[in-house]
Protein backbone atom coordinates (compact mmCIF):
# COMPACT_ATOMS: atom_id res chain seq x y z
CA MET A 1 25.00 30.46 9.19
CA VAL A 2 21.80 29.16 10.76
CA LYS A 3 19.01 31.66 10.19
CA LYS A 4 16.24 30.13 12.27
CA PHE A 5 14.83 27.08 13.99
CA VAL A 6 11.28 26.14 13.08
CA VAL A 7 9.19 23.75 15.17
CA ARG A 8 6.64 21.84 13.08
CA LEU A 9 4.63 18.93 14.50
CA GLY A 10 7.31 18.10 17.05
CA PHE A 11 10.16 18.44 14.57
CA VAL A 12 12.90 21.02 14.94
CA VAL A 13 13.93 22.06 11.46
CA VAL A 14 17.21 23.94 11.04
CA CYS A 15 16.94 26.50 8.23
CA MET A 16 19.82 28.13 6.40
CA HIS A 17 19.62 30.71 3.64
CA GLY A 18 16.09 29.70 2.64
CA GLY A 19 16.91 25.98 2.56
CA VAL A 20 16.59 23.33 5.22
CA LEU A 21 19.74 21.82 6.67
CA GLY A 22 18.20 18.94 8.58
CA ALA A 23 15.36 17.75 10.77
CA VAL A 24 15.42 16.49 14.36
CA PHE A 25 12.55 14.70 16.11
CA HIS A 26 12.74 14.09 19.87
CA GLY A 27 16.52 14.43 19.78
CA LYS A 28 17.06 12.08 16.80
CA VAL A 29 18.19 13.24 13.38
CA VAL A 30 15.47 12.05 11.01
CA ALA A 31 16.84 13.57 7.81
CA ASP A 32 20.32 14.60 6.80
CA GLU A 33 19.01 17.21 4.41
CA VAL A 34 15.50 18.46 3.64
CA ARG A 35 14.54 20.92 0.95
CA VAL A 36 11.25 22.42 -0.13
CA VAL A 37 10.48 21.86 -3.80
CA GLN A 38 8.63 24.84 -5.25
CA LYS A 39 6.63 23.12 -8.01
CA PHE A 40 5.66 19.58 -8.98
CA SER A 41 7.36 20.16 -12.34
CA ASP A 42 10.65 20.77 -10.46
CA LEU A 43 10.68 17.12 -9.38
CA PRO A 44 12.54 14.60 -11.53
CA VAL A 45 10.37 12.90 -14.16
CA GLU A 46 11.17 9.59 -12.41
CA VAL A 47 9.18 10.91 -9.44
CA GLN A 48 6.46 12.81 -11.34
CA VAL A 49 5.30 9.89 -13.49
CA PRO A 50 4.56 7.29 -10.76
CA VAL A 51 2.96 9.70 -8.24
CA ALA A 52 0.91 11.89 -10.61
CA ARG A 53 -2.04 9.47 -10.73
CA PHE A 54 -2.49 9.80 -6.96
CA LEU A 55 -2.63 13.59 -7.17
CA VAL A 56 -5.24 13.99 -9.92
CA GLY A 57 -8.01 16.25 -8.60
CA GLY A 58 -5.95 17.35 -5.59
CA LYS A 59 -4.26 20.66 -4.86
CA ILE A 60 -0.62 20.41 -3.87
CA VAL A 61 0.15 22.30 -0.66
CA GLU A 62 3.83 21.46 -0.13
CA ILE A 63 6.54 19.22 -1.53
CA GLU A 64 9.59 18.24 0.52
CA GLU A 65 12.57 16.19 -0.54
CA ALA A 66 14.56 14.55 2.27
CA LYS A 67 17.78 12.58 2.20
CA ALA A 68 17.78 10.04 5.00
CA HIS A 69 18.78 6.41 5.50
CA LYS A 70 20.60 6.34 2.15
CA VAL A 71 17.41 7.15 0.22
CA VAL A 72 15.72 10.25 -1.13
CA GLU A 73 12.12 10.54 0.09
CA VAL A 74 9.67 12.92 -1.55
CA LYS A 75 6.72 13.91 0.65
CA ILE A 76 3.82 15.62 -1.08
CA SER A 77 1.09 17.20 1.03
CA TYR A 78 -2.13 17.90 -0.86
CA LEU A 79 -5.77 18.87 -0.39
CA ARG A 80 -8.68 16.88 -1.73
CA GLU A 81 -12.28 17.63 -0.73
CA ASN A 82 -11.08 19.95 2.07
CA ARG A 83 -8.96 17.21 3.66
CA LEU A 84 -5.19 17.31 3.92
CA HIS A 85 -3.44 14.18 2.66
CA GLU A 86 0.13 13.18 2.07
CA LEU A 87 2.09 10.62 0.15
CA VAL A 88 5.73 9.65 0.54
CA TRP A 89 7.67 8.31 -2.45
CA ASP A 90 11.09 6.64 -2.29
CA ALA A 91 12.86 8.23 -5.25
CA THR A 92 15.90 6.00 -4.80
CA ASN A 93 14.09 2.64 -4.98
CA GLN A 94 11.05 3.88 -6.94
CA LYS A 95 8.33 2.75 -4.54
CA MET A 96 5.55 4.23 -2.45
CA LEU A 97 6.55 4.45 1.22
CA GLY A 98 3.43 5.87 2.80
CA GLY A 99 0.44 8.09 2.85
CA THR A 100 -3.03 8.83 4.14
CA GLU A 101 -5.43 8.32 1.23
CA SER A 102 -6.89 4.86 0.56
CA GLU A 103 -5.39 4.52 -2.94
CA VAL A 104 -1.93 5.36 -1.57
CA ILE A 105 -2.39 3.00 1.38
CA GLN A 106 -3.34 0.19 -1.03
CA GLU A 107 -0.25 0.92 -3.12
CA VAL A 108 1.98 0.59 -0.04
CA LEU A 109 0.23 -2.59 1.10
CA GLY A 110 0.67 -4.06 -2.38
CA GLY A 111 4.43 -3.65 -2.11
CA ILE A 112 5.10 -5.28 1.28
CA PRO A 113 5.80 -8.99 1.89
CA GLN A 114 2.81 -11.30 2.37
CA LYS A 115 3.59 -11.93 6.07
CA ALA A 116 3.68 -8.19 6.78
CA LEU A 117 0.42 -7.73 4.86
CA GLU A 118 -1.25 -10.48 6.90
CA ALA A 119 0.02 -8.88 10.12
CA VAL A 120 -1.46 -5.51 9.09
CA GLU A 121 -4.81 -7.17 8.35
CA ASN A 122 -4.74 -8.99 11.73
CA ALA A 123 -3.87 -5.80 13.61
CA LYS A 124 -6.52 -3.86 11.71
CA GLY A 125 -9.51 -5.93 12.83
CA HIS A 126 -12.61 -3.76 12.28
CA ASN A 127 -10.57 -0.55 12.33
CA GLN A 128 -9.77 1.66 9.36
CA VAL A 129 -6.16 2.28 8.26
CA LYS A 130 -5.65 6.08 8.44
CA ARG A 131 -1.94 6.31 7.69
CA ILE A 132 0.82 3.94 6.72
CA LYS A 133 4.56 4.43 6.31
CA ILE A 134 7.44 2.12 5.59
CA LYS A 135 10.24 3.35 7.83
CA HIS A 136 13.88 2.51 8.49
CA ALA A 137 15.07 1.43 11.94
CA ASP A 138 17.83 3.61 13.34
CA ALA A 139 19.89 0.73 14.75
CA ASP A 140 20.43 -1.31 11.58
CA ASP A 141 18.48 0.54 8.87
CA HIS A 142 16.07 -2.36 8.15
CA GLU A 143 12.55 -1.56 6.93
CA TYR A 144 9.43 -1.92 9.04
CA VAL A 145 5.78 -0.80 8.63
CA HIS A 146 4.16 1.81 10.90
CA VAL A 147 0.35 1.72 10.60
CA HIS A 148 -2.15 4.11 12.22
CA PHE A 149 -5.75 2.95 12.72
CA VAL A 150 -8.98 4.64 13.78
CA ASP A 151 -11.97 2.74 15.15
CA GLY A 152 -15.68 3.49 14.80
CA SER A 153 -15.65 5.78 17.84
CA GLY A 154 -12.68 7.80 16.59
CA MET A 155 -10.03 6.25 18.87
CA LYS A 156 -6.62 6.14 17.26
CA THR A 157 -4.03 3.42 17.72
CA ASP A 158 -0.89 2.54 15.89
CA VAL A 159 1.36 -0.46 15.49
CA LYS A 160 4.88 -1.03 14.20
CA LEU A 161 5.32 -4.33 12.37
CA GLU A 162 8.44 -6.01 11.05
CA MET A 163 8.42 -7.11 7.42
CA ASP A 164 8.32 -10.75 8.62
CA GLY A 165 4.97 -9.99 10.24
CA SER A 166 6.16 -9.88 13.84
CA LEU A 167 5.05 -7.09 16.17
CA GLN A 168 7.72 -4.49 16.86
CA LYS A 169 5.65 -2.15 19.04
CA GLN A 170 2.01 -1.35 19.69
CA VAL A 171 0.96 2.09 20.93
CA TRP A 172 -2.46 2.66 22.48
């Protein structure tokens, strides 16, 4: 029995008996199943070990585990120096998918093909990368990179790039 619907940042999250059944964003199912993990130590060791170094000195706010696109993604939101950050780890393929802190962004960039990396650098120009996420396309489940930038005046833009370096979509 569905207990409640929660709207968070544009997502409608269906909650049942204290757990989360799924998440919908603008009418699309973005996760088959999402659950809140109570403590970092409740995560599998295979997740704890590779992500722990990014969390040193931070305070964990929330951990979510989502099953979507045939992978298990672990999103950890944390505070460092009064700023909220996040990282997203692919527990199935053991790789960093995204995040907001420079060390996490560099980890993601280090794991993408050279042509995609060059495309990110070209799109970046003099802007700063604020957020990056490797995502899966709904149509055929292939990976692409979604990068958010901010310029010197605070204007935000984002771009979606294919792993071959081609532009999928630019949003101004």
